Amino acid sequence: MTPGSSPPLTVVGAVNVDLTARVERAPAAGETVADGVLQRGPGGKGANQAVAAARLGAAVRLIGAVGDDADGRGIRDQLTAVGVDASGVQTAEAATGTALIVVDATGENSIVVCAGANAAIDATTLGIEPGAAVLMQLEVSDAVVSAAATAAGFFALNAAPARPLPAGVLERCDLVIVNETEYAQLPEVHDAPLLCVTLGADGARLFRQGELVAAAAGVATTVRNTVGAGDAFCAALVVGLLREDSEADALARACAVGSAAVADEASQPALGPLDTYGASA
C-alpha cells in the first residue's frame, strides 16, 4: 500500500460506556469532592482504537461484545455512524461494559472498569478473516487474545493494561506498543520484532529487537483528557505502518495524533485523516 491509502484493519477489544466526572482535583482515599461535572459517552480501548483508525482513514472492522441493552444498541449506532463495521460485535447476556473515570484539571485520570459483556466475548467465533491485520489490547480474556493472535496475518498488540501474556502470543506479535510503565512491567516484550514505547509529552521510540530504529518528539498542546490518547496513538501508528509509511513518519504522525487526542475532552476524539498530521522532517 502507499501513503494516503485506506488499509483494512480489524480491531479486537473492549467496548464500554464511559462515565466521566471532570473535577478540579481528584479525591484522595476516603475523601469526597463536590465539584464534578458528569459526561457520558462511548469508550473502551477496542472501540476507541477502532473509531480513531476509521477517522484516520482505515477501513475498520471491530470485534468485541456489548449487552442486549440500550447502551449496547447506542454504541452500535455510534460505531456505524463513524464508518466502523460493527458486524463482529457480539451480543452477550451481561450488561455492556462500563468505565468510571475521574479526570482532574490537568487532564490526568483514574479509571475503574466494570468489564460486563467484554468478559463474555466468545473466542471461538471471532470471525477474523485469514491474513487480516489485527490490532488489539489486553482488556479482554486470554482466550480472545490467543485466538486473535493465532488468526491474524499481521498482529499488533497494545499490551495494556499490563499483565503476563498468554503462552505463544508474544511469538505471534509483529508489533508491541507499551507506555513507560508497561515497558517496565513486561520485560518479556523488550526484544519484540518491533516495539514502540510511548513517553507521554516526550514522544515515542521504536525498537527492532532491542535496537532503536526511530524516535519522535512529543507535540506540545493543552491537555484536556488523557483517556483516549494512547488509543489514538496506537491506531495512528498501526495505520501508518500498514499503508507503508516509513517507520519515522509513522511514529511522528502517531505522536501528533496523540497530542491532538489529549487536547480533546472525549475518549474518542475528533480526528482528521492521517495525512493532516505532521511527519518527520
Protein backbone atom coordinates (compact mmCIF):
# COMPACT_ATOMS: atom_id res chain seq x y z
CA MET A 1 0.00 0.00 0.00
CA THR A 2 1.00 3.63 -0.30
CA PRO A 3 0.70 6.71 1.93
CA GLY A 4 -2.84 8.05 1.72
CA SER A 5 -4.39 4.62 1.14
CA SER A 6 -7.15 3.09 3.31
CA PRO A 7 -5.72 -0.15 4.72
CA PRO A 8 -8.13 -2.75 6.10
CA LEU A 9 -7.75 -3.24 9.86
CA THR A 10 -9.53 -5.50 12.33
CA VAL A 11 -9.60 -4.23 15.91
CA VAL A 12 -10.36 -6.68 18.72
CA GLY A 13 -11.09 -5.34 22.17
CA ALA A 14 -13.28 -3.85 24.84
CA VAL A 15 -16.37 -1.74 24.20
CA ASN A 16 -17.59 0.41 27.09
CA VAL A 17 -19.78 3.25 28.15
CA ASP A 18 -17.56 5.90 29.78
CA LEU A 19 -19.00 7.77 32.76
CA THR A 20 -16.55 10.62 33.27
CA ALA A 21 -16.50 13.02 36.20
CA ARG A 22 -14.43 16.11 35.49
CA VAL A 23 -13.16 17.69 38.71
CA GLU A 24 -10.65 20.34 39.71
CA ARG A 25 -8.83 17.85 41.92
CA ALA A 26 -9.27 14.08 42.20
CA PRO A 27 -10.34 12.91 45.67
CA ALA A 28 -7.88 11.21 47.99
CA ALA A 29 -8.80 7.93 49.71
CA GLY A 30 -11.86 8.46 51.87
CA GLU A 31 -12.42 11.98 50.54
CA THR A 32 -15.43 13.45 48.71
CA VAL A 33 -15.17 16.28 46.20
CA ALA A 34 -18.38 18.00 45.13
CA ASP A 35 -17.47 19.96 42.00
CA GLY A 36 -17.81 17.14 39.46
CA VAL A 37 -19.33 17.59 36.02
CA LEU A 38 -20.60 14.29 34.61
CA GLN A 39 -20.16 13.28 30.97
CA ARG A 40 -21.38 10.08 29.33
CA GLY A 41 -20.02 8.70 26.07
CA PRO A 42 -18.65 5.68 24.22
CA GLY A 43 -15.30 4.20 25.24
CA GLY A 44 -13.31 1.02 25.80
CA LYS A 45 -9.85 0.56 24.33
CA GLY A 46 -11.10 -1.59 21.45
CA ALA A 47 -13.82 0.84 20.41
CA ASN A 48 -11.54 3.84 20.93
CA GLN A 49 -8.87 2.38 18.66
CA ALA A 50 -11.41 1.32 16.04
CA VAL A 51 -13.02 4.76 15.89
CA ALA A 52 -9.64 6.52 15.78
CA ALA A 53 -8.41 4.26 12.96
CA ALA A 54 -11.60 4.86 10.96
CA ARG A 55 -11.34 8.62 11.39
CA LEU A 56 -7.69 8.48 10.33
CA GLY A 57 -8.69 6.72 7.10
CA ALA A 58 -8.55 2.95 7.62
CA ALA A 59 -11.30 0.51 6.66
CA VAL A 60 -12.07 -0.84 10.13
CA ARG A 61 -13.93 -3.84 11.48
CA LEU A 62 -14.42 -4.11 15.26
CA ILE A 63 -14.73 -7.39 17.15
CA GLY A 64 -15.96 -7.25 20.74
CA ALA A 65 -19.19 -7.57 22.71
CA VAL A 66 -21.95 -5.43 24.18
CA GLY A 67 -25.04 -6.25 26.17
CA ASP A 68 -28.58 -6.52 24.83
CA ASP A 69 -29.39 -3.15 26.35
CA ALA A 70 -29.83 0.49 25.40
CA ASP A 71 -26.13 1.23 25.85
CA GLY A 72 -25.14 -1.62 23.55
CA ARG A 73 -27.59 -0.59 20.85
CA GLY A 74 -26.48 3.03 21.10
CA ILE A 75 -22.82 2.12 20.79
CA ARG A 76 -23.52 0.01 17.69
CA ASP A 77 -25.23 3.01 16.10
CA GLN A 78 -22.34 5.31 17.01
CA LEU A 79 -19.77 2.93 15.55
CA THR A 80 -21.71 2.68 12.31
CA ALA A 81 -22.05 6.45 12.13
CA VAL A 82 -18.26 6.93 12.09
CA GLY A 83 -17.74 4.20 9.50
CA VAL A 84 -16.71 1.24 11.68
CA ASP A 85 -18.03 -2.17 10.61
CA ALA A 86 -19.65 -3.42 13.83
CA SER A 87 -20.83 -6.76 12.43
CA GLY A 88 -18.24 -8.53 14.59
CA VAL A 89 -19.54 -7.03 17.83
CA GLN A 90 -21.25 -9.89 19.65
CA THR A 91 -24.30 -9.56 21.90
CA ALA A 92 -23.75 -11.02 25.36
CA GLU A 93 -26.13 -11.73 28.22
CA ALA A 94 -24.07 -9.48 30.50
CA ALA A 95 -24.58 -5.73 30.52
CA THR A 96 -22.49 -3.50 28.30
CA GLY A 97 -19.13 -2.74 29.95
CA THR A 98 -18.77 0.49 31.90
CA ALA A 99 -15.75 2.61 32.81
CA LEU A 100 -15.95 5.00 35.76
CA ILE A 101 -13.44 7.79 35.10
CA VAL A 102 -12.26 10.77 37.12
CA VAL A 103 -10.38 13.46 35.19
CA ASP A 104 -8.75 16.36 37.05
CA ALA A 105 -7.96 19.88 35.85
CA THR A 106 -4.58 18.79 34.44
CA GLY A 107 -6.17 16.05 32.33
CA GLU A 108 -4.83 13.19 34.46
CA ASN A 109 -7.26 10.36 35.11
CA SER A 110 -8.10 7.39 37.29
CA ILE A 111 -10.35 4.64 35.94
CA VAL A 112 -12.35 1.71 37.27
CA VAL A 113 -13.53 -0.69 34.55
CA CYS A 114 -16.55 -2.96 35.01
CA ALA A 115 -15.99 -5.49 32.23
CA GLY A 116 -19.56 -6.69 31.74
CA ALA A 117 -20.01 -8.04 28.22
CA ASN A 118 -16.29 -7.64 27.46
CA ALA A 119 -15.60 -10.66 29.66
CA ALA A 120 -18.10 -12.72 27.65
CA ILE A 121 -16.63 -12.44 24.13
CA ASP A 122 -16.79 -15.87 22.51
CA ALA A 123 -13.22 -16.59 21.41
CA THR A 124 -14.38 -19.41 19.14
CA THR A 125 -16.48 -17.14 16.90
CA LEU A 126 -14.31 -14.05 16.38
CA GLY A 127 -14.57 -14.35 12.60
CA ILE A 128 -11.19 -12.82 11.82
CA GLU A 129 -10.55 -13.11 8.09
CA PRO A 130 -7.47 -15.16 7.14
CA GLY A 131 -4.40 -12.97 6.89
CA ALA A 132 -6.12 -9.93 8.41
CA ALA A 133 -4.15 -7.13 10.07
CA VAL A 134 -5.25 -7.10 13.71
CA LEU A 135 -4.80 -4.53 16.47
CA MET A 136 -5.85 -5.48 19.99
CA GLN A 137 -5.31 -4.75 23.68
CA LEU A 138 -5.48 -6.69 26.97
CA GLU A 139 -8.90 -5.62 28.31
CA VAL A 140 -10.35 -8.96 27.14
CA SER A 141 -9.79 -12.58 28.12
CA ASP A 142 -6.64 -14.58 27.47
CA ALA A 143 -8.69 -16.88 25.24
CA VAL A 144 -9.65 -13.97 22.98
CA VAL A 145 -6.08 -12.65 22.89
CA SER A 146 -4.74 -16.09 21.92
CA ALA A 147 -7.41 -16.67 19.28
CA ALA A 148 -6.83 -13.29 17.67
CA ALA A 149 -3.05 -13.74 17.67
CA THR A 150 -3.39 -17.14 16.02
CA ALA A 151 -5.78 -15.92 13.32
CA ALA A 152 -4.02 -12.68 12.39
CA GLY A 153 -1.73 -12.20 9.43
CA PHE A 154 -0.22 -9.03 10.93
CA PHE A 155 -0.65 -8.81 14.71
CA ALA A 156 -0.19 -5.58 16.68
CA LEU A 157 -0.63 -5.81 20.45
CA ASN A 158 -1.12 -2.81 22.69
CA ALA A 159 -0.09 -4.56 25.91
CA ALA A 160 -2.41 -2.56 28.14
CA PRO A 161 -3.38 -2.96 30.87
CA ALA A 162 -0.10 -4.76 31.55
CA ARG A 163 -0.35 -8.42 32.53
CA PRO A 164 1.51 -11.63 31.68
CA LEU A 165 0.85 -12.59 28.07
CA PRO A 166 -0.77 -15.93 27.25
CA ALA A 167 1.65 -18.60 26.08
CA GLY A 168 2.61 -18.25 22.43
CA VAL A 169 1.17 -14.74 21.94
CA LEU A 170 4.44 -12.82 22.01
CA GLU A 171 5.83 -15.08 19.29
CA ARG A 172 2.91 -14.07 17.07
CA CYS A 173 3.40 -10.32 17.58
CA ASP A 174 4.67 -8.21 14.69
CA LEU A 175 4.36 -5.03 16.77
CA VAL A 176 4.01 -4.41 20.51
CA ILE A 177 3.04 -0.98 21.87
CA VAL A 178 3.54 -0.06 25.54
CA ASN A 179 3.96 3.04 27.66
CA GLU A 180 6.90 3.51 30.04
CA THR A 181 5.12 1.84 32.95
CA GLU A 182 4.05 -1.16 30.89
CA TYR A 183 7.58 -1.43 29.46
CA ALA A 184 8.95 -1.76 32.99
CA GLN A 185 6.28 -4.30 33.96
CA LEU A 186 6.73 -6.51 30.88
CA PRO A 187 10.44 -7.24 30.35
CA GLU A 188 9.49 -10.13 28.05
CA VAL A 189 8.45 -7.68 25.31
CA HIS A 190 11.78 -5.82 25.22
CA ASP A 191 13.14 -7.89 22.34
CA ALA A 192 9.92 -7.95 20.28
CA PRO A 193 10.34 -7.82 16.49
CA LEU A 194 9.07 -4.22 16.60
CA LEU A 195 8.46 -2.47 19.92
CA CYS A 196 7.06 1.03 20.39
CA VAL A 197 7.48 2.71 23.77
CA THR A 198 5.42 5.85 24.32
CA LEU A 199 6.84 8.55 26.58
CA GLY A 200 3.91 10.91 27.06
CA ALA A 201 4.86 14.51 26.33
CA ASP A 202 8.39 13.35 25.40
CA GLY A 203 7.20 11.48 22.31
CA ALA A 204 7.91 7.84 21.47
CA ARG A 205 10.67 5.41 20.49
CA LEU A 206 10.58 2.46 18.10
CA PHE A 207 12.89 -0.52 18.58
CA ARG A 208 13.57 -3.55 16.40
CA GLN A 209 14.67 -6.48 18.57
CA GLY A 210 16.02 -4.04 21.13
CA GLU A 211 17.78 -1.68 18.71
CA LEU A 212 16.48 1.88 18.30
CA VAL A 213 15.24 2.46 14.73
CA ALA A 214 13.14 5.63 15.07
CA ALA A 215 12.37 8.37 17.58
CA ALA A 216 9.80 11.16 17.54
CA ALA A 217 9.36 14.16 19.77
CA GLY A 218 6.13 14.98 21.53
CA VAL A 219 3.91 17.76 20.19
CA ALA A 220 3.10 20.48 22.71
CA THR A 221 -0.58 21.05 23.41
CA THR A 222 -3.09 21.93 26.11
CA VAL A 223 -4.00 18.74 27.96
CA ARG A 224 -7.75 18.25 28.44
CA ASN A 225 -8.10 14.47 28.79
CA THR A 226 -5.51 11.68 28.52
CA VAL A 227 -8.02 8.78 28.47
CA GLY A 228 -8.11 8.17 24.72
CA ALA A 229 -4.69 9.49 23.76
CA GLY A 230 -2.87 6.16 23.89
CA ASP A 231 -5.59 4.51 21.85
CA ALA A 232 -5.44 7.22 19.19
CA PHE A 233 -1.64 6.87 19.08
CA CYS A 234 -1.87 3.09 18.62
CA ALA A 235 -4.38 3.44 15.82
CA ALA A 236 -2.27 6.05 14.04
CA LEU A 237 0.96 4.05 14.28
CA VAL A 238 -0.63 0.85 13.00
CA VAL A 239 -2.47 2.59 10.16
CA GLY A 240 0.74 4.36 9.13
CA LEU A 241 2.75 1.14 9.10
CA LEU A 242 0.04 -0.76 7.23
CA ARG A 243 -0.04 1.80 4.45
CA GLU A 244 3.78 1.56 4.29
CA ASP A 245 4.77 4.96 5.64
CA SER A 246 8.39 4.98 6.75
CA GLU A 247 8.81 3.98 10.39
CA ALA A 248 9.99 7.51 11.25
CA ASP A 249 6.98 9.13 9.56
CA ALA A 250 4.52 6.67 11.07
CA LEU A 251 5.91 7.34 14.54
CA ALA A 252 5.93 11.12 14.12
CA ARG A 253 2.35 11.16 12.84
CA ALA A 254 1.27 8.92 15.74
CA CYS A 255 2.78 11.39 18.22
CA ALA A 256 0.93 14.25 16.52
CA VAL A 257 -2.34 12.29 16.66
CA GLY A 258 -1.78 11.51 20.34
CA SER A 259 -1.23 15.21 21.01
CA ALA A 260 -4.47 16.07 19.23
CA ALA A 261 -6.25 13.45 21.31
CA VAL A 262 -5.18 14.83 24.69
CA ALA A 263 -6.45 18.25 23.64
CA ASP A 264 -9.95 16.77 23.16
CA GLU A 265 -12.24 16.05 26.12
CA ALA A 266 -13.68 12.89 24.56
CA SER A 267 -12.29 9.35 24.88
CA GLN A 268 -12.95 9.07 21.14
CA PRO A 269 -11.53 12.39 19.93
CA ALA A 270 -12.46 14.09 16.69
CA LEU A 271 -9.56 13.29 14.35
CA GLY A 272 -8.90 14.13 10.72
CA PRO A 273 -7.27 11.98 8.03
CA LEU A 274 -3.81 10.70 8.97
CA ASP A 275 -2.05 12.84 6.35
CA THR A 276 -3.20 16.02 8.13
CA TYR A 277 -0.78 15.22 10.97
CA GLY A 278 2.92 16.02 10.77
CA ALA A 279 5.54 13.50 9.64
CA SER A 280 9.27 13.53 10.41
CA ALA A 281 11.48 16.16 8.87
